Each structure stands twice: as structure tokens, then as C-alpha cells.
Protein backbone atom coordinates (compact mmCIF):
# COMPACT_ATOMS: atom_id res chain seq x y z
CA MET A 1 139.45 94.05 88.33
CA ASN A 2 138.22 94.33 84.73
CA ARG A 3 134.70 95.36 83.82
CA PHE A 4 133.53 91.82 83.05
CA SER A 5 134.63 90.67 86.52
CA LEU A 6 132.85 93.65 88.08
CA TRP A 7 129.60 92.65 86.37
CA ILE A 8 130.01 89.07 87.63
CA VAL A 9 130.46 90.35 91.19
CA THR A 10 127.45 92.66 90.67
CA ALA A 11 125.28 89.75 89.56
CA LEU A 12 126.33 87.65 92.56
CA THR A 13 125.75 90.58 94.93
CA ALA A 14 122.27 91.08 93.44
CA LEU A 15 121.38 87.55 94.54
CA GLY A 16 121.43 88.77 98.16
CA PRO A 17 118.54 91.26 97.86
CA ALA A 18 116.72 88.86 95.52
CA ILE A 19 116.89 86.18 98.23
CA TRP A 20 115.73 88.68 100.86
CA GLY A 21 112.71 89.37 98.66
CA SER A 22 111.52 85.84 99.42
CA THR A 23 111.46 86.57 103.17
CA TYR A 24 107.93 88.03 103.06
CA ILE A 25 106.36 84.98 101.44
CA VAL A 26 108.23 82.57 103.75
CA THR A 27 107.25 84.57 106.84
CA THR A 28 103.57 85.02 105.98
CA GLU A 29 102.91 81.61 104.43
CA ILE A 30 105.13 79.27 106.47
CA LEU A 31 106.33 80.66 109.82
CA PRO A 32 104.23 80.93 113.01
CA PRO A 33 102.49 84.33 113.19
CA ASP A 34 103.41 87.33 115.38
CA ARG A 35 107.03 86.40 116.06
CA PRO A 36 109.04 88.84 113.94
CA PHE A 37 112.00 89.26 116.29
CA ILE A 38 112.33 85.51 116.87
CA ALA A 39 112.46 85.09 113.08
CA ALA A 40 115.11 87.81 112.80
CA PHE A 41 117.19 86.29 115.62
CA LEU A 42 116.98 82.76 114.21
CA ARG A 43 117.90 84.08 110.78
CA CYS A 44 121.02 85.97 111.91
CA PHE A 45 122.61 84.47 115.03
CA PRO A 46 122.92 80.77 114.01
CA ALA A 47 124.20 81.77 110.56
CA GLY A 48 126.83 83.99 112.16
CA LEU A 49 127.85 81.24 114.57
CA MET A 50 128.23 78.69 111.75
CA LEU A 51 130.31 81.08 109.66
CA LEU A 52 132.47 81.90 112.68
CA LEU A 53 133.14 78.22 113.39
CA TRP A 54 134.12 77.82 109.74
CA SER A 55 136.32 80.93 109.43
CA ARG A 56 137.83 80.92 112.95
CA ARG A 57 139.08 84.47 112.62
CA MET A 58 138.91 87.21 115.25
CA PRO A 59 138.75 90.92 114.46
CA ALA A 60 141.99 92.78 115.00
CA PRO A 61 142.15 94.56 118.40
CA GLY A 62 141.52 97.92 116.75
CA ASP A 63 138.58 96.63 114.70
CA TRP A 64 136.21 95.64 117.52
CA GLY A 65 134.54 99.04 117.78
CA ARG A 66 133.93 99.26 114.05
CA THR A 67 132.64 95.67 113.95
CA LEU A 68 130.12 96.41 116.70
CA ILE A 69 128.93 99.56 114.92
CA LEU A 70 128.52 97.70 111.62
CA ALA A 71 126.72 94.81 113.32
CA ALA A 72 124.30 97.25 114.94
CA LEU A 73 123.64 99.18 111.72
CA ASN A 74 123.50 96.32 109.20
CA ILE A 75 121.85 93.65 111.37
CA GLY A 76 120.62 94.59 114.85
CA ALA A 77 118.98 98.00 114.40
CA PHE A 78 118.04 97.46 110.76
CA GLN A 79 116.30 94.11 111.34
CA ALA A 80 114.36 95.41 114.36
CA LEU A 81 113.25 98.59 112.59
CA LEU A 82 112.44 96.65 109.43
CA PHE A 83 109.95 94.44 111.25
CA VAL A 84 108.41 97.39 113.13
CA ALA A 85 107.85 99.19 109.81
CA ALA A 86 106.56 96.03 108.15
CA TYR A 87 103.94 95.51 110.86
CA ARG A 88 102.81 99.16 111.07
CA LEU A 89 102.97 100.25 107.41
CA PRO A 90 101.73 98.81 104.15
CA GLY A 91 104.64 97.00 102.50
CA GLY A 92 104.57 99.38 99.56
CA LEU A 93 105.06 102.48 101.67
CA ALA A 94 107.92 100.90 103.63
CA ALA A 95 109.61 99.82 100.37
CA VAL A 96 109.34 103.29 98.84
CA VAL A 97 111.02 104.78 101.92
CA GLY A 98 113.74 102.13 101.69
CA ALA A 99 114.27 102.94 98.02
CA ALA A 100 115.86 106.24 99.10
CA GLN A 101 118.94 104.40 100.44
CA PRO A 102 121.11 105.02 97.33
CA LEU A 103 120.46 108.78 97.66
CA VAL A 104 121.56 108.63 101.31
CA VAL A 105 124.78 106.85 100.32
CA ILE A 106 125.43 109.49 97.64
CA ALA A 107 124.86 112.24 100.25
CA LEU A 108 127.25 110.55 102.71
CA ALA A 109 129.99 110.22 100.08
CA TRP A 110 129.54 113.89 99.17
CA ALA A 111 129.49 115.15 102.75
CA LEU A 112 132.27 112.97 104.19
CA GLU A 113 134.57 112.45 101.21
CA GLY A 114 133.80 115.40 98.98
CA LYS A 115 132.70 113.10 96.12
CA ARG A 116 130.33 115.16 94.02
CA PRO A 117 127.42 113.02 92.77
CA VAL A 118 127.11 112.18 89.10
CA THR A 119 123.95 113.79 87.74
CA MET A 120 122.95 110.66 85.86
CA ALA A 121 123.29 108.59 89.05
CA LEU A 122 121.04 111.02 90.94
CA VAL A 123 118.43 110.87 88.18
CA ALA A 124 118.59 107.06 88.12
CA CYS A 125 118.08 106.89 91.91
CA LEU A 126 115.08 109.22 91.70
CA VAL A 127 113.62 107.10 88.89
CA GLY A 128 114.02 104.05 91.16
CA ILE A 129 112.04 105.74 93.95
CA PHE A 130 109.33 106.80 91.49
CA GLY A 131 109.19 103.31 89.98
CA MET A 132 108.84 101.75 93.42
CA GLY A 133 105.97 104.13 94.14
CA VAL A 134 104.22 103.21 90.89
CA LEU A 135 104.74 99.53 91.63
CA LEU A 136 103.66 99.39 95.26
CA LEU A 137 101.75 102.45 96.46
CA SER A 138 97.97 102.64 96.37
CA PRO A 139 95.42 105.32 97.34
CA GLU A 140 94.52 103.21 100.40
CA SER A 141 98.05 103.40 101.87
CA GLN A 142 97.86 104.53 105.52
CA TRP A 143 100.51 106.69 107.15
CA ASP A 144 101.44 105.53 110.65
CA THR A 145 103.76 107.91 112.51
CA TRP A 146 105.85 105.32 114.34
CA GLY A 147 105.88 103.08 111.30
CA MET A 148 107.23 105.92 109.16
CA VAL A 149 109.85 106.78 111.80
CA ALA A 150 110.96 103.14 111.88
CA ALA A 151 111.08 102.94 108.07
CA VAL A 152 113.10 106.16 107.73
CA VAL A 153 115.56 105.32 110.52
CA GLY A 154 115.89 101.75 109.23
CA ALA A 155 116.71 103.02 105.73
CA LEU A 156 119.28 105.42 107.20
CA CYS A 157 120.85 102.59 109.23
CA MET A 158 121.17 100.32 106.20
CA ALA A 159 122.54 103.11 104.01
CA LEU A 160 125.07 104.17 106.64
CA GLY A 161 126.01 100.54 107.29
CA THR A 162 126.58 99.93 103.57
CA TYR A 163 128.67 103.08 103.23
CA LEU A 164 130.79 102.38 106.33
CA SER A 165 131.24 98.70 105.41
CA HIS A 166 132.75 99.87 102.13
CA ARG A 167 134.86 102.60 103.73
CA TRP A 168 136.04 100.53 106.71
CA ARG A 169 137.32 97.66 104.61
CA SER A 170 138.53 95.14 107.14
CA GLY A 171 141.56 92.90 106.73
CA MET A 172 139.37 89.97 107.77
CA PRO A 173 138.22 87.47 105.13
CA ILE A 174 134.67 88.05 103.90
CA LEU A 175 133.32 84.99 105.73
CA ALA A 176 134.69 86.20 109.08
CA PHE A 177 133.58 89.78 108.38
CA THR A 178 130.06 88.49 107.70
CA ALA A 179 130.11 86.04 110.63
CA TRP A 180 130.85 88.63 113.31
CA GLN A 181 128.22 91.05 112.06
CA LEU A 182 125.52 88.36 111.92
CA MET A 183 126.41 86.93 115.32
CA LEU A 184 126.76 90.25 117.16
CA GLY A 185 123.69 91.69 115.42
CA GLY A 186 121.76 88.55 116.34
CA LEU A 187 122.76 88.98 119.98
CA MET A 188 121.40 92.52 119.85
CA LEU A 189 118.09 91.10 118.61
CA ALA A 190 117.93 88.44 121.35
CA PRO A 191 116.31 90.67 124.04
CA LEU A 192 113.52 91.64 121.62
CA ALA A 193 112.99 87.98 120.69
CA LEU A 194 112.80 87.00 124.39
CA TRP A 195 110.77 89.88 125.81
CA VAL A 196 108.50 91.05 122.97
CA ASP A 197 107.51 87.99 120.94
CA PRO A 198 105.42 85.07 122.25
CA PRO A 199 107.65 82.03 122.81
CA LEU A 200 107.75 79.27 120.23
CA ASP A 201 105.86 76.14 121.27
CA SER A 202 106.87 72.54 120.74
CA SER A 203 104.31 71.95 117.99
CA LEU A 204 106.36 73.46 115.15
CA SER A 205 105.70 71.57 111.94
CA THR A 206 108.41 70.25 109.66
CA VAL A 207 107.49 72.92 107.13
CA GLN A 208 107.88 75.69 109.72
CA ILE A 209 111.25 74.34 110.81
CA GLY A 210 112.23 74.27 107.14
CA GLY A 211 111.18 77.91 106.85
CA TYR A 212 113.47 78.93 109.71
CA LEU A 213 116.31 76.90 108.18
CA TYR A 214 115.77 78.63 104.83
CA LEU A 215 115.90 82.07 106.46
CA CYS A 216 119.11 81.12 108.27
CA LEU A 217 121.07 79.18 105.65
CA VAL A 218 119.91 80.95 102.49
CA GLY A 219 118.45 84.25 103.73
CA ALA A 220 121.37 85.10 106.01
CA LEU A 221 124.42 82.86 105.59
CA LEU A 222 124.44 82.89 101.77
CA ALA A 223 122.77 86.25 101.10
CA TYR A 224 124.85 88.32 103.55
CA THR A 225 128.09 86.67 102.43
CA LEU A 226 127.33 87.69 98.84
CA TRP A 227 126.24 91.16 100.01
CA PHE A 228 129.37 91.94 102.03
CA ARG A 229 131.55 90.50 99.25
CA GLY A 230 129.93 93.01 96.92
CA ILE A 231 130.44 95.85 99.40
CA ALA A 232 134.16 95.04 99.57
CA VAL A 233 134.56 95.31 95.78
CA LEU A 234 131.84 97.52 94.30
CA PRO A 235 131.10 101.23 94.85
CA SER A 236 128.78 101.71 97.81
CA VAL A 237 126.13 103.50 95.71
CA ALA A 238 126.04 100.58 93.27
CA VAL A 239 125.57 98.07 96.10
CA SER A 240 122.89 100.16 97.78
CA SER A 241 120.86 100.43 94.57
CA LEU A 242 120.77 96.63 94.34
CA GLY A 243 118.64 96.68 97.49
CA LEU A 244 115.70 97.72 95.28
CA LEU A 245 115.66 94.16 93.98
CA SER A 246 114.32 92.92 97.33
CA PRO A 247 110.79 94.41 97.15
CA LEU A 248 110.80 93.82 93.40
CA THR A 249 111.42 90.10 93.97
CA ALA A 250 108.72 90.02 96.66
CA VAL A 251 106.17 91.43 94.19
CA ILE A 252 107.12 88.95 91.46
CA LEU A 253 106.98 85.99 93.87
CA GLY A 254 103.58 87.17 95.14
CA TRP A 255 102.34 87.19 91.55
CA LEU A 256 103.86 83.80 90.63
CA ILE A 257 103.12 81.86 93.83
CA LEU A 258 100.22 83.61 95.57
CA GLY A 259 98.35 84.76 92.47
CA GLN A 260 98.47 88.43 93.47
CA ALA A 261 97.31 90.88 90.80
CA MET A 262 99.80 92.34 88.34
CA THR A 263 98.46 95.45 86.59
CA GLY A 264 99.79 97.59 83.77
CA SER A 265 101.11 100.14 86.27
CA SER A 266 102.89 97.31 88.11
CA LEU A 267 104.72 96.39 84.92
CA ILE A 268 105.69 100.03 84.36
CA GLY A 269 107.00 100.18 87.93
CA ILE A 270 109.05 97.00 87.43
CA ILE A 271 110.60 98.41 84.24
CA LEU A 272 111.44 101.73 85.94
CA VAL A 273 113.02 100.04 88.98
CA MET A 274 115.06 97.62 86.85
CA GLY A 275 116.14 100.47 84.59
CA SER A 276 117.21 102.48 87.63
CA VAL A 277 119.25 99.60 89.07
CA LEU A 278 120.98 98.86 85.75
CA ALA A 279 121.71 102.55 85.14
CA VAL A 280 123.32 103.00 88.56
CA GLN A 281 125.44 99.86 87.99
CA TRP A 282 126.57 101.08 84.57
CA ILE A 283 127.42 104.56 85.84
CA SER A 284 129.21 103.29 88.96
CA ASN A 285 131.23 100.54 87.24
CA ARG A 286 132.28 102.32 84.06
CA PRO A 287 136.03 102.92 83.68
CA LYS A 288 137.38 106.17 85.06
CA LYS A 289 138.63 108.61 82.43
CA SER A 290 142.37 109.18 82.59
CA ASN A 291 143.71 112.70 82.51
């Protein structure tokens, strides 16, 4: 694949985190309150089922174990921990913790494959974390122990899931690969949706139903298909760094739609995060030097 094609795939993959950045505004402004696990289940399981009916492809007998692990890391555990962190921590603090994912992927590649990190990539990742802190942290941010544990473990799950999804490249088509992870991960979320959240009542408005449909069809079916397509083609560090676009999009949407304040430091943070993402993409996708 030439460099132009890689940048096209990168741009399409970036749409996934950008779409996920709209989840906060849809959840807080449209969905019924206090039902995070129901929202996660309805986002993932129906999308996985629809993709499975379309693709009609089973994992190979030897791939079931890996598929279950990836579904747990990328969907089940990550979604549950994400909502726990979101409810117990300020969004900025949770996002800064999540911004460390590219560093975790670099560490995994170094430890498991002996791939020494590129210094410029490390610097770019650190700039991304710093930029996210400038953008989102405030002196009033409160540290909650269980919220921090959930944020850290969730970031580790997503980073490990991204790395293993790239390393365990399945022979399944992307749609089937995405379908099984969403469906199995959704099933893992079902007990939390049933036992922890209050049940949905019959008075859901048309707008609320539309919000759930958006999370399912756009926030899961489309976004995860683009995400796993990117994982199959791009370096895992490059894909992981694109995850920074999710909180960045949430901030921009909050400014555009909800009228939330945008300060000078916010603009500096946005520039630093975008610079970090672009730098990691350039470093990861540049042609390898021949000997």
C-alpha cells in the first residue's frame, strides 16, 4: 500500500474516534439518565448482530479464544470501565489517563516484539498527554480512587486490545471481525445492564430512541468497522494515537452546540493534541529505509 493510500485509511480510521467523541453529548443531552450500561449494551450488541447477519462468517475453530479475548478487551471490559470512570471522575482527568494509550502500545511492542521505540514518536505521545492536560484539566479536578483505577485499567484494556487486534490479524473479513467482537462484548455487558441500571420504561421519546439508534448504527456499527479496518492496515501505535481525537471532538462539540467556554489554553491544548496525532501518523507511516 502506497503512502497516499495509507493516509486515506488513516483519515477513515480517524472518523471512528471522532464519532465516539459525540457520545458524551448524545448521552447527556438526549438519553435517559443513569443508565450507562444499558446505553453501552444497546450500542454494541445490536450492531454486532446486524453485522453478523450481513457477513455470515464464523471464526475459524482456532480463533474463538482470541476473538473472546479481543471482545472482552475492546468492548466488554473497556466499555464498562469507561462508564465507571466517566461517572466517578471529571471527564478531563479520565481523558488524560486515556491519552497514555499510545505509550502503552509502544511499551507492548518493545517488550513483546523487541521493537525499540522511535524517539520522535515517544516525544509526540508525551506532547499529546500534555496537550490533553492543558485542554481538559482544571484546579478543581477531584481524584477518586476507584475512578482512577477504572480509568487506568480501561486505558490498558483498550491499548492491549488495539495491539493484539493488530498482531492477531484474523483471516475473517473486517465486517465479521467487527461483528463478533461487538456481539460478544455486548453479551458481556448484558449482566451489568440488567442488574445495575434501572430498567427502561415505556415512555421513551422519539428523540431518545433516535439517540440509541445513533449510538448503535453510527457510534458502533460504522465507527468500529472503520476502527478495526485501520487496525488491520496501520501500525498499532498510529491507530492508538487517533484515539485522542475522541475527547478532542467532545470538547469542540461542547463549544459549538452547548456553548461551553473555549479559552486560550484550550486552543493551545487543541493545537498540541492535533500536532501530536499528526506527528505520530507521519512517523509511523513514513517509508522504511532500505539497507
